[in-house]
C-alpha atoms as a PDB file:
ATOM      1  CA  GLN A   1      46.168  53.885  42.246  1.00  0.00           C
ATOM      2  CA  VAL A   2      43.099  55.087  44.101  1.00  0.00           C
ATOM      3  CA  GLN A   3      42.215  54.261  47.677  1.00  0.00           C
ATOM      4  CA  LEU A   4      39.070  54.823  49.712  1.00  0.00           C
ATOM      5  CA  ALA A   5      39.811  55.117  53.408  1.00  0.00           C
ATOM      6  CA  GLU A   6      36.871  54.729  55.768  1.00  0.00           C
ATOM      7  CA  ASP A   7      36.583  55.905  59.349  1.00  0.00           C
ATOM      8  CA  GLY A   8      33.889  55.596  61.956  1.00  0.00           C
ATOM      9  CA  GLY A   9      31.578  52.747  62.748  1.00  0.00           C
ATOM     10  CA  GLY A  10      31.463  50.772  65.956  1.00  0.00           C
ATOM     11  CA  LEU A  11      28.956  49.615  68.528  1.00  0.00           C
ATOM     12  CA  VAL A  12      26.016  51.765  69.578  1.00  0.00           C
ATOM     13  CA  GLN A  13      22.737  51.255  71.357  1.00  0.00           C
ATOM     14  CA  ALA A  14      19.446  51.515  69.511  1.00  0.00           C
ATOM     15  CA  GLY A  15      18.437  55.133  69.136  1.00  0.00           C
ATOM     16  CA  GLY A  16      22.028  56.296  69.103  1.00  0.00           C
ATOM     17  CA  SER A  17      24.091  57.966  66.399  1.00  0.00           C
ATOM     18  CA  LEU A  18      27.251  57.263  64.463  1.00  0.00           C
ATOM     19  CA  ARG A  19      29.143  59.053  61.739  1.00  0.00           C
ATOM     20  CA  LEU A  20      31.031  57.358  58.927  1.00  0.00           C
ATOM     21  CA  SER A  21      33.621  59.143  56.830  1.00  0.00           C
ATOM     22  CA  CYS A  22      35.395  58.183  53.647  1.00  0.00           C
ATOM     23  CA  ALA A  23      38.277  59.889  51.882  1.00  0.00           C
ATOM     24  CA  ALA A  24      39.399  59.136  48.346  1.00  0.00           C
ATOM     25  CA  SER A  25      43.060  59.577  47.483  1.00  0.00           C
ATOM     26  CA  GLY A  26      45.429  58.793  44.663  1.00  0.00           C
ATOM     27  CA  SER A  27      45.524  59.622  40.987  1.00  0.00           C
ATOM     28  CA  ILE A  28      42.060  61.107  40.776  1.00  0.00           C
ATOM     29  CA  VAL A  29      40.955  63.210  37.827  1.00  0.00           C
ATOM     30  CA  SER A  30      37.400  63.655  39.028  1.00  0.00           C
ATOM     31  CA  ILE A  31      34.742  61.886  41.063  1.00  0.00           C
ATOM     32  CA  SER A  32      31.195  61.426  39.895  1.00  0.00           C
ATOM     33  CA  ALA A  33      29.149  59.700  42.564  1.00  0.00           C
ATOM     34  CA  MET A  34      30.147  58.806  46.111  1.00  0.00           C
ATOM     35  CA  GLY A  35      28.045  56.845  48.483  1.00  0.00           C
ATOM     36  CA  TRP A  36      27.567  54.144  51.052  1.00  0.00           C
ATOM     37  CA  TYR A  37      26.387  50.576  50.772  1.00  0.00           C
ATOM     38  CA  ARG A  38      25.877  48.020  53.496  1.00  0.00           C
ATOM     39  CA  GLN A  39      25.814  44.281  53.780  1.00  0.00           C
ATOM     40  CA  ALA A  40      24.283  42.399  56.666  1.00  0.00           C
ATOM     41  CA  PRO A  41      25.114  38.729  57.322  1.00  0.00           C
ATOM     42  CA  GLY A  42      23.349  36.497  54.851  1.00  0.00           C
ATOM     43  CA  LYS A  43      22.036  39.410  52.820  1.00  0.00           C
ATOM     44  CA  GLN A  44      23.005  41.121  49.602  1.00  0.00           C
ATOM     45  CA  ARG A  45      24.860  44.393  49.584  1.00  0.00           C
ATOM     46  CA  GLU A  46      22.420  47.279  49.314  1.00  0.00           C
ATOM     47  CA  LEU A  47      22.610  50.970  48.630  1.00  0.00           C
ATOM     48  CA  VAL A  48      22.234  53.163  51.708  1.00  0.00           C
ATOM     49  CA  ALA A  49      22.834  56.642  50.331  1.00  0.00           C
ATOM     50  CA  ARG A  50      24.493  58.198  47.332  1.00  0.00           C
ATOM     51  CA  SER A  51      25.544  61.678  46.274  1.00  0.00           C
ATOM     52  CA  THR A  52      26.430  62.804  42.770  1.00  0.00           C
ATOM     53  CA  SER A  53      28.893  65.517  41.881  1.00  0.00           C
ATOM     54  CA  GLY A  54      25.959  67.713  40.946  1.00  0.00           C
ATOM     55  CA  GLY A  55      24.516  67.499  44.437  1.00  0.00           C
ATOM     56  CA  PHE A  56      21.756  64.993  43.796  1.00  0.00           C
ATOM     57  CA  THR A  57      21.251  62.563  46.673  1.00  0.00           C
ATOM     58  CA  ASN A  58      19.197  59.450  47.082  1.00  0.00           C
ATOM     59  CA  TYR A  59      18.572  57.194  50.054  1.00  0.00           C
ATOM     60  CA  ALA A  60      17.305  53.734  50.765  1.00  0.00           C
ATOM     61  CA  GLU A  61      13.723  53.988  51.924  1.00  0.00           C
ATOM     62  CA  SER A  62      14.627  52.367  55.232  1.00  0.00           C
ATOM     63  CA  VAL A  63      16.994  55.203  56.206  1.00  0.00           C
ATOM     64  CA  VAL A  64      15.100  58.246  54.979  1.00  0.00           C
ATOM     65  CA  GLY A  65      14.795  60.804  57.748  1.00  0.00           C
ATOM     66  CA  ARG A  66      17.454  59.095  59.860  1.00  0.00           C
ATOM     67  CA  PHE A  67      20.615  59.161  57.744  1.00  0.00           C
ATOM     68  CA  THR A  68      22.198  62.122  56.005  1.00  0.00           C
ATOM     69  CA  ILE A  69      24.916  61.947  53.390  1.00  0.00           C
ATOM     70  CA  SER A  70      27.246  64.862  52.860  1.00  0.00           C
ATOM     71  CA  ARG A  71      30.093  65.370  50.481  1.00  0.00           C
ATOM     72  CA  ASP A  72      33.072  67.684  50.193  1.00  0.00           C
ATOM     73  CA  ASN A  73      34.075  67.749  46.546  1.00  0.00           C
ATOM     74  CA  ALA A  74      37.203  69.797  47.245  1.00  0.00           C
ATOM     75  CA  LYS A  75      38.493  67.205  49.704  1.00  0.00           C
ATOM     76  CA  ASN A  76      37.137  64.125  47.909  1.00  0.00           C
ATOM     77  CA  THR A  77      35.318  63.009  51.020  1.00  0.00           C
ATOM     78  CA  VAL A  78      31.870  61.705  51.801  1.00  0.00           C
ATOM     79  CA  SER A  79      30.265  61.254  55.197  1.00  0.00           C
ATOM     80  CA  LEU A  80      27.191  59.496  56.476  1.00  0.00           C
ATOM     81  CA  GLN A  81      25.553  60.779  59.629  1.00  0.00           C
ATOM     82  CA  MET A  82      23.386  58.040  61.070  1.00  0.00           C
ATOM     83  CA  SER A  83      20.813  58.826  63.743  1.00  0.00           C
ATOM     84  CA  SER A  84      18.007  56.925  65.431  1.00  0.00           C
ATOM     85  CA  LEU A  85      19.872  53.734  64.698  1.00  0.00           C
ATOM     86  CA  LYS A  86      18.013  50.452  64.806  1.00  0.00           C
ATOM     87  CA  PRO A  87      19.274  46.894  65.277  1.00  0.00           C
ATOM     88  CA  GLU A  88      18.385  46.228  61.639  1.00  0.00           C
ATOM     89  CA  ASP A  89      20.979  48.821  60.619  1.00  0.00           C
ATOM     90  CA  THR A  90      23.671  46.422  61.806  1.00  0.00           C
ATOM     91  CA  ALA A  91      25.911  45.636  58.852  1.00  0.00           C
ATOM     92  CA  VAL A  92      29.291  46.215  57.295  1.00  0.00           C
ATOM     93  CA  TYR A  93      29.181  49.600  55.593  1.00  0.00           C
ATOM     94  CA  PHE A  94      31.187  50.173  52.443  1.00  0.00           C
ATOM     95  CA  CYS A  95      32.208  53.441  50.842  1.00  0.00           C
ATOM     96  CA  ASN A  96      31.792  53.487  47.070  1.00  0.00           C
ATOM     97  CA  ALA A  97      32.929  55.964  44.442  1.00  0.00           C
ATOM     98  CA  GLY A  98      32.863  56.375  40.700  1.00  0.00           C
ATOM     99  CA  ILE A  99      36.193  57.937  39.806  1.00  0.00           C
ATOM    100  CA  ILE A 100      37.797  59.110  36.605  1.00  0.00           C
ATOM    101  CA  VAL A 101      41.475  58.164  36.492  1.00  0.00           C
ATOM    102  CA  LYS A 102      44.124  58.677  33.873  1.00  0.00           C
ATOM    103  CA  GLU A 103      45.662  55.503  32.515  1.00  0.00           C
ATOM    104  CA  THR A 104      48.491  55.951  30.034  1.00  0.00           C
ATOM    105  CA  MET A 105      46.981  58.165  27.329  1.00  0.00           C
ATOM    106  CA  ARG A 106      43.302  57.998  28.208  1.00  0.00           C
ATOM    107  CA  PHE A 107      40.783  58.765  30.905  1.00  0.00           C
ATOM    108  CA  VAL A 108      38.902  55.818  32.348  1.00  0.00           C
ATOM    109  CA  ALA A 109      35.900  55.643  34.677  1.00  0.00           C
ATOM    110  CA  ARG A 110      36.270  53.048  37.405  1.00  0.00           C
ATOM    111  CA  GLU A 111      34.331  52.023  40.490  1.00  0.00           C
ATOM    112  CA  TYR A 112      36.136  51.756  43.798  1.00  0.00           C
ATOM    113  CA  TRP A 113      35.207  50.308  47.174  1.00  0.00           C
ATOM    114  CA  GLY A 114      36.454  50.847  50.667  1.00  0.00           C
ATOM    115  CA  GLN A 115      37.405  47.932  52.878  1.00  0.00           C
ATOM    116  CA  GLY A 116      34.230  48.192  54.919  1.00  0.00           C
ATOM    117  CA  THR A 117      33.535  49.231  58.480  1.00  0.00           C
ATOM    118  CA  GLN A 118      31.348  47.390  60.958  1.00  0.00           C
ATOM    119  CA  VAL A 119      28.303  49.087  62.448  1.00  0.00           C
ATOM    120  CA  THR A 120      26.576  47.183  65.225  1.00  0.00           C
ATOM    121  CA  VAL A 121      23.391  48.434  66.862  1.00  0.00           C
ATOM    122  CA  SER A 122      22.360  46.693  70.049  1.00  0.00           C
ATOM    123  CA  SER A 123      18.746  46.521  71.191  1.00  0.00           C
END
């Protein structure tokens, strides 16, 4: 079993900052990509930022220059530092990871999600 535990989020005024953290635990062989998605009410879930095991990162255009993703491969954690927050950043933020697990006699790649954490930015 693999779990993604998220921390952070909350209510902040526009222009403020928040930091989200996510830790993966369980029967992990290796982790490829880790990242953050968000879903606002009435909208589809969208990628916010993503980091591969090789250090490649990509961001949604709307957060470039404001959000920074960082990853600790040794601790299986990923964080998202969010600055200059805007009301349109309000959403539930989900941690996501591509993880290799061992099932019986084989290695399998699976995608995991955190439970989500609410970020609300007031104007």
